[in-house]
């Protein structure tokens, strides 16, 4: 019985640590990230209207399995780096006509940079 309880305790601890890590990541998000959080989750594999942003930095566009990307996103050939994220976050519809994003973009360069730095931390 002691071994069973020990396993449950370790599992509870692991679940608590995962939850705390997710909460810490969310707490570190810059205020400008609220514009993203309405449609995107930051946990690996999670989806809302958009795909998870976990690991997005350095990832090829339209590469999350089982997500219905726009034809424009699939054909973009983009790898999400500083330059591509910066232009896309600032004005997605102009940068990638035909994207499904219903978001107008962040207009303040410092907010765009803060969001990119946050996205880089999601690993």
C-alpha atoms as a PDB file:
ATOM      1  CA  UNK A   1       0.000   0.000   0.000  1.00  0.00           C
ATOM      2  CA  UNK A   2       2.843   2.402   0.756  1.00  0.00           C
ATOM      3  CA  UNK A   3       4.240   2.027  -2.791  1.00  0.00           C
ATOM      4  CA  UNK A   4       0.834   2.824  -4.281  1.00  0.00           C
ATOM      5  CA  UNK A   5       0.490   5.973  -2.168  1.00  0.00           C
ATOM      6  CA  UNK A   6       4.034   6.970  -3.083  1.00  0.00           C
ATOM      7  CA  UNK A   7       3.192   6.674  -6.783  1.00  0.00           C
ATOM      8  CA  UNK A   8       0.078   8.766  -6.314  1.00  0.00           C
ATOM      9  CA  UNK A   9       2.112  11.381  -4.438  1.00  0.00           C
ATOM     10  CA  UNK A  10       4.709  11.514  -7.237  1.00  0.00           C
ATOM     11  CA  UNK A  11       1.959  11.765  -9.848  1.00  0.00           C
ATOM     12  CA  UNK A  12       0.235  14.536  -7.889  1.00  0.00           C
ATOM     13  CA  UNK A  13       3.524  16.387  -7.596  1.00  0.00           C
ATOM     14  CA  UNK A  14       4.200  16.028 -11.328  1.00  0.00           C
ATOM     15  CA  UNK A  15       0.724  17.295 -12.198  1.00  0.00           C
ATOM     16  CA  UNK A  16       1.124  20.226  -9.817  1.00  0.00           C
ATOM     17  CA  UNK A  17       4.500  21.123 -11.316  1.00  0.00           C
ATOM     18  CA  UNK A  18       3.099  21.016 -14.848  1.00  0.00           C
ATOM     19  CA  UNK A  19       0.179  23.211 -13.846  1.00  0.00           C
ATOM     20  CA  UNK A  20       2.503  25.637 -12.058  1.00  0.00           C
ATOM     21  CA  UNK A  21       4.797  25.785 -15.086  1.00  0.00           C
ATOM     22  CA  UNK A  22       1.874  26.587 -17.386  1.00  0.00           C
ATOM     23  CA  UNK A  23       0.633  29.230 -14.969  1.00  0.00           C
ATOM     24  CA  UNK A  24       4.129  30.729 -14.724  1.00  0.00           C
ATOM     25  CA  UNK A  25       4.404  30.928 -18.492  1.00  0.00           C
ATOM     26  CA  UNK A  26       1.017  32.594 -18.726  1.00  0.00           C
ATOM     27  CA  UNK A  27       1.970  35.010 -15.958  1.00  0.00           C
ATOM     28  CA  UNK A  28       5.096  36.037 -17.868  1.00  0.00           C
ATOM     29  CA  UNK A  29       3.173  36.903 -21.014  1.00  0.00           C
ATOM     30  CA  UNK A  30       3.416  40.585 -21.894  1.00  0.00           C
ATOM     31  CA  UNK A  31       0.163  42.550 -21.805  1.00  0.00           C
ATOM     32  CA  UNK A  32       0.144  42.752 -25.618  1.00  0.00           C
ATOM     33  CA  UNK A  33      -0.082  38.942 -25.751  1.00  0.00           C
ATOM     34  CA  UNK A  34      -3.733  39.199 -24.695  1.00  0.00           C
ATOM     35  CA  UNK A  35      -4.508  39.852 -28.363  1.00  0.00           C
ATOM     36  CA  UNK A  36      -3.063  36.403 -29.186  1.00  0.00           C
ATOM     37  CA  UNK A  37      -4.456  34.516 -26.188  1.00  0.00           C
ATOM     38  CA  UNK A  38      -8.051  34.828 -27.350  1.00  0.00           C
ATOM     39  CA  UNK A  39      -7.350  32.396 -30.194  1.00  0.00           C
ATOM     40  CA  UNK A  40      -4.090  30.629 -29.267  1.00  0.00           C
ATOM     41  CA  UNK A  41      -3.015  28.537 -26.280  1.00  0.00           C
ATOM     42  CA  UNK A  42       0.590  28.318 -25.119  1.00  0.00           C
ATOM     43  CA  UNK A  43       0.535  24.698 -23.961  1.00  0.00           C
ATOM     44  CA  UNK A  44       1.953  22.053 -26.294  1.00  0.00           C
ATOM     45  CA  UNK A  45      -0.754  20.433 -28.398  1.00  0.00           C
ATOM     46  CA  UNK A  46      -3.561  22.681 -27.181  1.00  0.00           C
ATOM     47  CA  UNK A  47      -5.815  24.367 -29.727  1.00  0.00           C
ATOM     48  CA  UNK A  48      -8.448  27.059 -29.732  1.00  0.00           C
ATOM     49  CA  UNK A  49      -9.333  28.836 -32.954  1.00  0.00           C
ATOM     50  CA  UNK A  50      -5.622  28.850 -33.792  1.00  0.00           C
ATOM     51  CA  UNK A  51      -2.867  26.307 -33.206  1.00  0.00           C
ATOM     52  CA  UNK A  52      -0.781  26.212 -30.044  1.00  0.00           C
ATOM     53  CA  UNK A  53       2.003  28.771 -29.951  1.00  0.00           C
ATOM     54  CA  UNK A  54       4.171  26.447 -27.876  1.00  0.00           C
ATOM     55  CA  UNK A  55       7.405  25.996 -29.839  1.00  0.00           C
ATOM     56  CA  UNK A  56       6.276  28.339 -32.614  1.00  0.00           C
ATOM     57  CA  UNK A  57       9.614  30.150 -32.761  1.00  0.00           C
ATOM     58  CA  UNK A  58      11.760  28.334 -35.315  1.00  0.00           C
ATOM     59  CA  UNK A  59       8.841  26.180 -36.474  1.00  0.00           C
ATOM     60  CA  UNK A  60       7.760  25.996 -40.096  1.00  0.00           C
ATOM     61  CA  UNK A  61       4.386  27.658 -40.727  1.00  0.00           C
ATOM     62  CA  UNK A  62       1.396  25.338 -41.055  1.00  0.00           C
ATOM     63  CA  UNK A  63       3.265  22.428 -39.482  1.00  0.00           C
ATOM     64  CA  UNK A  64       1.073  21.565 -36.485  1.00  0.00           C
ATOM     65  CA  UNK A  65      -0.619  18.267 -37.276  1.00  0.00           C
ATOM     66  CA  UNK A  66      -4.412  18.133 -37.388  1.00  0.00           C
ATOM     67  CA  UNK A  67      -4.903  21.877 -37.728  1.00  0.00           C
ATOM     68  CA  UNK A  68      -6.849  23.269 -40.681  1.00  0.00           C
ATOM     69  CA  UNK A  69      -4.533  26.018 -41.936  1.00  0.00           C
ATOM     70  CA  UNK A  70      -5.463  28.404 -44.726  1.00  0.00           C
ATOM     71  CA  UNK A  71      -4.065  27.657 -48.166  1.00  0.00           C
ATOM     72  CA  UNK A  72      -2.084  30.897 -47.875  1.00  0.00           C
ATOM     73  CA  UNK A  73      -0.395  29.727 -44.664  1.00  0.00           C
ATOM     74  CA  UNK A  74       0.337  26.274 -46.099  1.00  0.00           C
ATOM     75  CA  UNK A  75       1.915  27.798 -49.221  1.00  0.00           C
ATOM     76  CA  UNK A  76       3.880  30.504 -47.376  1.00  0.00           C
ATOM     77  CA  UNK A  77       7.094  28.534 -46.830  1.00  0.00           C
ATOM     78  CA  UNK A  78       7.706  30.673 -43.746  1.00  0.00           C
ATOM     79  CA  UNK A  79       9.777  29.585 -40.778  1.00  0.00           C
ATOM     80  CA  UNK A  80       8.820  31.657 -37.747  1.00  0.00           C
ATOM     81  CA  UNK A  81      11.903  33.712 -36.902  1.00  0.00           C
ATOM     82  CA  UNK A  82      12.256  37.305 -35.669  1.00  0.00           C
ATOM     83  CA  UNK A  83      11.715  38.904 -39.080  1.00  0.00           C
ATOM     84  CA  UNK A  84       8.712  36.804 -40.102  1.00  0.00           C
ATOM     85  CA  UNK A  85       7.044  37.004 -36.711  1.00  0.00           C
ATOM     86  CA  UNK A  86       7.631  40.745 -36.502  1.00  0.00           C
ATOM     87  CA  UNK A  87       5.981  41.512 -39.809  1.00  0.00           C
ATOM     88  CA  UNK A  88       3.173  38.977 -39.350  1.00  0.00           C
ATOM     89  CA  UNK A  89       2.285  40.058 -35.797  1.00  0.00           C
ATOM     90  CA  UNK A  90       2.216  43.693 -36.918  1.00  0.00           C
ATOM     91  CA  UNK A  91      -0.013  43.149 -39.966  1.00  0.00           C
ATOM     92  CA  UNK A  92      -1.013  39.543 -40.735  1.00  0.00           C
ATOM     93  CA  UNK A  93      -3.506  40.264 -43.523  1.00  0.00           C
ATOM     94  CA  UNK A  94      -1.042  42.362 -45.541  1.00  0.00           C
ATOM     95  CA  UNK A  95       1.944  40.079 -44.938  1.00  0.00           C
ATOM     96  CA  UNK A  96       0.014  36.908 -45.752  1.00  0.00           C
ATOM     97  CA  UNK A  97      -3.131  37.663 -47.791  1.00  0.00           C
ATOM     98  CA  UNK A  98      -5.618  34.846 -47.429  1.00  0.00           C
ATOM     99  CA  UNK A  99      -4.685  33.982 -43.838  1.00  0.00           C
ATOM    100  CA  UNK A 100      -7.561  32.944 -41.576  1.00  0.00           C
ATOM    101  CA  UNK A 101      -6.329  35.294 -38.852  1.00  0.00           C
ATOM    102  CA  UNK A 102      -9.093  37.749 -37.967  1.00  0.00           C
ATOM    103  CA  UNK A 103      -6.624  39.860 -36.046  1.00  0.00           C
ATOM    104  CA  UNK A 104      -5.635  43.359 -37.230  1.00  0.00           C
ATOM    105  CA  UNK A 105      -2.126  43.291 -35.753  1.00  0.00           C
ATOM    106  CA  UNK A 106      -0.080  45.045 -33.103  1.00  0.00           C
ATOM    107  CA  UNK A 107       0.976  48.506 -34.201  1.00  0.00           C
ATOM    108  CA  UNK A 108       3.526  49.351 -31.479  1.00  0.00           C
ATOM    109  CA  UNK A 109       6.983  47.936 -32.291  1.00  0.00           C
ATOM    110  CA  UNK A 110       7.859  47.498 -28.587  1.00  0.00           C
ATOM    111  CA  UNK A 111       4.737  45.355 -28.090  1.00  0.00           C
ATOM    112  CA  UNK A 112       5.601  43.244 -31.137  1.00  0.00           C
ATOM    113  CA  UNK A 113       9.115  42.674 -29.750  1.00  0.00           C
ATOM    114  CA  UNK A 114       7.733  41.755 -26.321  1.00  0.00           C
ATOM    115  CA  UNK A 115       5.406  39.172 -27.870  1.00  0.00           C
ATOM    116  CA  UNK A 116       8.244  37.690 -29.950  1.00  0.00           C
ATOM    117  CA  UNK A 117      10.476  37.381 -26.889  1.00  0.00           C
ATOM    118  CA  UNK A 118       7.645  35.653 -25.052  1.00  0.00           C
ATOM    119  CA  UNK A 119       7.081  33.268 -27.974  1.00  0.00           C
ATOM    120  CA  UNK A 120      10.795  32.402 -27.933  1.00  0.00           C
ATOM    121  CA  UNK A 121      10.412  31.289 -24.295  1.00  0.00           C
ATOM    122  CA  UNK A 122       7.695  28.759 -25.102  1.00  0.00           C
ATOM    123  CA  UNK A 123       9.804  25.629 -25.434  1.00  0.00           C
END
